[in-house]
Protein backbone atom coordinates (compact mmCIF):
# COMPACT_ATOMS: atom_id res chain seq x y z
CA UNK A 1 66.50 7.21 40.79
CA UNK A 2 66.82 4.17 38.52
CA UNK A 3 64.63 2.19 40.93
CA UNK A 4 61.89 4.85 40.69
CA UNK A 5 62.06 4.80 36.89
CA UNK A 6 61.74 1.02 36.86
CA UNK A 7 58.77 1.18 39.17
CA UNK A 8 57.11 3.81 36.99
CA UNK A 9 57.70 1.71 33.87
CA UNK A 10 56.25 -1.35 35.60
CA UNK A 11 53.15 0.58 36.62
CA UNK A 12 52.69 1.93 33.07
CA UNK A 13 53.08 -1.60 31.64
CA UNK A 14 50.47 -2.98 34.02
CA UNK A 15 48.04 -0.19 33.13
CA UNK A 16 48.53 -0.80 29.41
CA UNK A 17 48.13 -4.55 29.77
CA UNK A 18 45.05 -4.13 31.95
CA UNK A 19 43.51 -1.60 29.55
CA UNK A 20 44.13 -3.87 26.54
CA UNK A 21 42.57 -6.80 28.37
CA UNK A 22 39.47 -4.79 29.23
CA UNK A 23 39.18 -3.54 25.63
CA UNK A 24 39.46 -7.03 24.11
CA UNK A 25 37.14 -8.65 26.64
CA UNK A 26 34.39 -6.16 25.77
CA UNK A 27 32.91 -7.62 22.58
CA UNK A 28 29.63 -8.20 20.74
CA UNK A 29 27.99 -11.50 21.62
CA UNK A 30 26.15 -13.81 19.24
CA UNK A 31 22.40 -13.70 19.68
CA UNK A 32 19.96 -16.59 19.96
CA UNK A 33 19.40 -16.74 16.22
CA UNK A 34 23.13 -17.27 15.67
CA UNK A 35 23.32 -20.03 18.26
CA UNK A 36 20.35 -21.82 16.67
CA UNK A 37 22.11 -21.61 13.28
CA UNK A 38 24.98 -23.67 14.71
CA UNK A 39 22.78 -26.80 14.82
CA UNK A 40 23.14 -29.40 12.05
CA UNK A 41 20.15 -30.56 10.04
CA UNK A 42 19.46 -32.55 6.87
CA UNK A 43 20.79 -29.79 4.65
CA UNK A 44 23.90 -28.56 6.47
CA UNK A 45 26.19 -30.51 8.73
CA UNK A 46 28.04 -28.23 11.14
CA UNK A 47 31.14 -29.41 12.95
CA UNK A 48 33.39 -27.57 15.39
CA UNK A 49 37.00 -27.73 14.29
CA UNK A 50 40.42 -26.63 15.51
CA UNK A 51 40.04 -23.38 13.55
CA UNK A 52 36.34 -22.70 14.20
CA UNK A 53 33.41 -24.33 12.38
CA UNK A 54 32.80 -26.03 9.07
CA UNK A 55 29.37 -25.51 7.51
CA UNK A 56 29.16 -28.47 5.17
CA UNK A 57 26.32 -28.34 2.64
CA UNK A 58 25.73 -30.10 -0.70
CA UNK A 59 28.81 -28.63 -2.42
CA UNK A 60 32.00 -30.62 -2.78
CA UNK A 61 33.75 -28.00 -4.91
CA UNK A 62 33.34 -24.49 -3.46
CA UNK A 63 34.27 -23.12 -0.06
CA UNK A 64 34.52 -19.69 1.57
CA UNK A 65 36.92 -18.97 4.43
CA UNK A 66 35.31 -16.26 6.54
CA UNK A 67 37.04 -13.84 8.92
CA UNK A 68 34.78 -12.16 11.57
CA UNK A 69 34.63 -8.46 12.31
CA UNK A 70 36.74 -7.05 15.12
CA UNK A 71 35.47 -7.71 18.62
CA UNK A 72 32.51 -9.75 17.35
CA UNK A 73 31.88 -13.28 18.61
CA UNK A 74 32.65 -15.49 15.64
CA UNK A 75 29.49 -17.58 15.92
CA UNK A 76 27.50 -14.40 15.16
CA UNK A 77 28.09 -15.17 11.49
CA UNK A 78 26.55 -18.64 11.68
CA UNK A 79 23.25 -17.57 9.98
CA UNK A 80 25.13 -16.23 6.96
CA UNK A 81 27.47 -19.23 6.83
CA UNK A 82 24.55 -21.60 7.05
CA UNK A 83 22.63 -19.82 4.30
CA UNK A 84 25.63 -20.03 1.97
CA UNK A 85 26.20 -23.69 2.73
CA UNK A 86 22.53 -24.49 2.07
CA UNK A 87 22.77 -22.84 -1.34
CA UNK A 88 25.98 -24.55 -2.44
CA UNK A 89 29.04 -22.90 -0.94
CA UNK A 90 30.58 -24.52 2.14
CA UNK A 91 31.90 -22.11 4.77
CA UNK A 92 34.89 -22.32 7.08
CA UNK A 93 34.02 -19.82 9.82
CA UNK A 94 37.29 -18.91 11.54
CA UNK A 95 37.92 -18.09 15.18
CA UNK A 96 40.55 -15.41 15.77
CA UNK A 97 42.81 -14.57 18.73
CA UNK A 98 40.92 -12.14 20.98
CA UNK A 99 38.33 -11.91 18.17
CA UNK A 100 40.69 -9.78 16.12
CA UNK A 101 41.47 -11.05 12.60
CA UNK A 102 44.44 -8.69 12.32
CA UNK A 103 46.22 -10.86 14.91
CA UNK A 104 46.26 -13.88 12.56
CA UNK A 105 45.56 -12.80 8.99
CA UNK A 106 47.23 -16.00 7.68
CA UNK A 107 44.85 -18.33 9.50
CA UNK A 108 43.44 -19.36 6.13
CA UNK A 109 46.61 -21.30 5.39
CA UNK A 110 45.87 -23.97 7.98
CA UNK A 111 42.23 -24.14 6.91
CA UNK A 112 43.07 -24.78 3.25
CA UNK A 113 45.46 -27.61 4.18
CA UNK A 114 42.57 -29.60 5.66
CA UNK A 115 40.28 -29.81 2.61
CA UNK A 116 40.41 -30.48 -1.10
CA UNK A 117 37.95 -27.99 -2.62
CA UNK A 118 38.31 -27.02 -6.28
CA UNK A 119 37.48 -23.36 -5.66
CA UNK A 120 38.54 -21.37 -2.62
CA UNK A 121 37.23 -17.94 -1.69
CA UNK A 122 38.14 -15.79 1.27
CA UNK A 123 36.25 -12.94 2.84
CA UNK A 124 35.25 -11.17 5.95
CA UNK A 125 33.20 -8.51 7.65
CA UNK A 126 34.60 -5.07 8.41
CA UNK A 127 38.19 -5.38 9.69
CA UNK A 128 37.91 -9.12 9.07
CA UNK A 129 37.59 -8.29 5.39
CA UNK A 130 40.65 -6.10 5.50
CA UNK A 131 42.67 -9.03 6.94
CA UNK A 132 41.15 -11.48 4.47
CA UNK A 133 42.09 -9.27 1.52
CA UNK A 134 45.62 -8.93 2.87
CA UNK A 135 45.92 -12.73 2.80
CA UNK A 136 44.43 -12.81 -0.72
CA UNK A 137 46.99 -10.33 -2.03
CA UNK A 138 49.76 -12.76 -1.08
CA UNK A 139 48.04 -16.01 -2.18
CA UNK A 140 46.42 -15.10 -5.48
CA UNK A 141 47.21 -18.43 -7.13
CA UNK A 142 45.42 -20.39 -4.39
CA UNK A 143 42.16 -18.42 -4.44
CA UNK A 144 39.32 -17.76 -6.85
CA UNK A 145 37.87 -14.70 -5.20
CA UNK A 146 37.41 -12.30 -2.30
CA UNK A 147 34.21 -11.31 -0.46
CA UNK A 148 34.21 -7.95 1.31
CA UNK A 149 31.28 -7.16 3.61
CA UNK A 150 31.24 -3.52 4.81
CA UNK A 151 34.95 -3.59 4.18
CA UNK A 152 37.76 -2.74 1.78
CA UNK A 153 41.23 -3.90 0.80
CA UNK A 154 44.32 -1.95 1.81
CA UNK A 155 46.39 -4.30 -0.39
CA UNK A 156 46.41 -4.47 -4.17
CA UNK A 157 44.33 -7.45 -5.38
CA UNK A 158 45.20 -9.20 -8.64
CA UNK A 159 42.76 -8.76 -11.55
CA UNK A 160 42.37 -12.54 -11.77
CA UNK A 161 40.45 -12.59 -8.46
CA UNK A 162 36.69 -12.47 -8.52
CA UNK A 163 35.92 -9.74 -5.96
CA UNK A 164 32.55 -8.76 -4.54
CA UNK A 165 31.91 -5.82 -2.20
CA UNK A 166 28.68 -5.43 -0.25
CA UNK A 167 27.61 -2.82 2.28
CA UNK A 168 24.39 -1.33 3.64
CA UNK A 169 22.98 2.07 2.73
CA UNK A 170 22.49 2.89 6.44
CA UNK A 171 25.94 1.78 7.56
CA UNK A 172 27.51 4.55 9.62
CA UNK A 173 30.42 2.45 10.94
CA UNK A 174 32.12 1.81 7.59
CA UNK A 175 34.56 4.59 6.80
CA UNK A 176 33.38 5.56 3.32
CA UNK A 177 36.38 7.84 2.75
CA UNK A 178 38.73 4.89 3.33
CA UNK A 179 36.44 2.70 1.26
CA UNK A 180 36.69 5.07 -1.73
CA UNK A 181 40.39 5.74 -1.22
CA UNK A 182 41.18 1.99 -1.32
CA UNK A 183 38.81 1.17 -4.21
CA UNK A 184 41.79 1.37 -6.56
CA UNK A 185 43.15 -1.78 -4.90
CA UNK A 186 40.26 -3.79 -6.34
CA UNK A 187 39.99 -5.26 -9.85
CA UNK A 188 38.10 -3.05 -12.32
CA UNK A 189 35.34 -5.64 -12.68
CA UNK A 190 34.65 -5.85 -8.92
CA UNK A 191 30.96 -6.32 -8.25
CA UNK A 192 29.60 -3.75 -5.77
CA UNK A 193 26.23 -4.06 -4.06
CA UNK A 194 24.62 -1.56 -1.69
CA UNK A 195 21.82 -3.14 0.33
CA UNK A 196 18.99 -0.61 0.61
CA UNK A 197 18.12 -0.25 4.30
CA UNK A 198 20.99 -2.41 5.49
CA UNK A 199 23.50 -1.38 8.13
CA UNK A 200 26.90 -2.51 9.43
CA UNK A 201 25.96 -5.03 12.11
CA UNK A 202 23.37 -7.03 10.23
CA UNK A 203 25.85 -9.07 8.25
CA UNK A 204 26.08 -10.95 11.55
CA UNK A 205 23.58 -11.67 14.33
CA UNK A 206 24.86 -9.84 17.39
CA UNK A 207 22.46 -6.98 17.89
CA UNK A 208 23.09 -3.29 17.49
CA UNK A 209 26.61 -1.93 17.10
CA UNK A 210 27.78 1.32 18.64
CA UNK A 211 27.83 4.15 16.10
CA UNK A 212 25.86 2.20 13.51
CA UNK A 213 22.85 3.47 11.62
CA UNK A 214 19.38 2.07 12.26
CA UNK A 215 18.60 -0.59 9.68
CA UNK A 216 15.39 -0.33 7.70
CA UNK A 217 15.26 -4.06 6.94
CA UNK A 218 15.44 -7.17 9.11
CA UNK A 219 18.72 -8.95 9.81
CA UNK A 220 17.34 -12.07 8.13
CA UNK A 221 16.60 -10.11 4.93
CA UNK A 222 20.08 -8.51 4.87
CA UNK A 223 21.74 -11.91 5.31
CA UNK A 224 19.54 -13.45 2.60
CA UNK A 225 20.44 -10.71 0.12
CA UNK A 226 24.11 -10.95 1.01
CA UNK A 227 24.15 -14.71 0.38
CA UNK A 228 22.39 -14.25 -2.97
CA UNK A 229 24.92 -11.62 -4.10
CA UNK A 230 27.87 -13.75 -3.08
CA UNK A 231 26.61 -16.84 -4.86
CA UNK A 232 25.59 -14.94 -8.02
CA UNK A 233 28.87 -13.09 -8.41
CA UNK A 234 31.31 -15.83 -7.50
CA UNK A 235 29.72 -18.10 -10.09
CA UNK A 236 29.76 -15.67 -13.03
């Protein structure tokens, strides 16, 4: 009897492990635009690091640590990271275990140890933003602000943090009920922007996302607007 139970438990464990592996291996891949954005030029020097990539532009003072959305190839956010770096905010684009930021929400710690920026910001897309805000809630004194893209914070953020929240009007992936419920965790002066015609997936460059609304603007336009909002609001 005990032997049968052990066999059954072993089978269940194998099924769970196999199912988890299949789930995590099925992810959104970076498109050609994202791969092209990983190439250095005269404006932005891009280097692959132990944590992901550094997008090094003209700024020596400001940097954003960026956590990717769940099950999205991290390089999908290269166009946004590049745009920010060009305009004066370097970006540390972070790779996550199994492309799930919730598995290493404290990854920013090792990133910050490697550089000497005057102003640090942390942010992320979707569940990446949730993980980034969790880190921010525990490291307020080390950060200047938080960037939430189609995301929200389940942790209370200190009023001293400069917080910006951006999502698209045609986003049908973001849980707006959870977004509103958790809005009380943000500082009262949080800057909110709703991109007219934007959707959930177009903060990155990885194609259409299951369950998302159809965007009414191009990915390039949504990324351009997002970069402008981030730079305007973090420098107020």
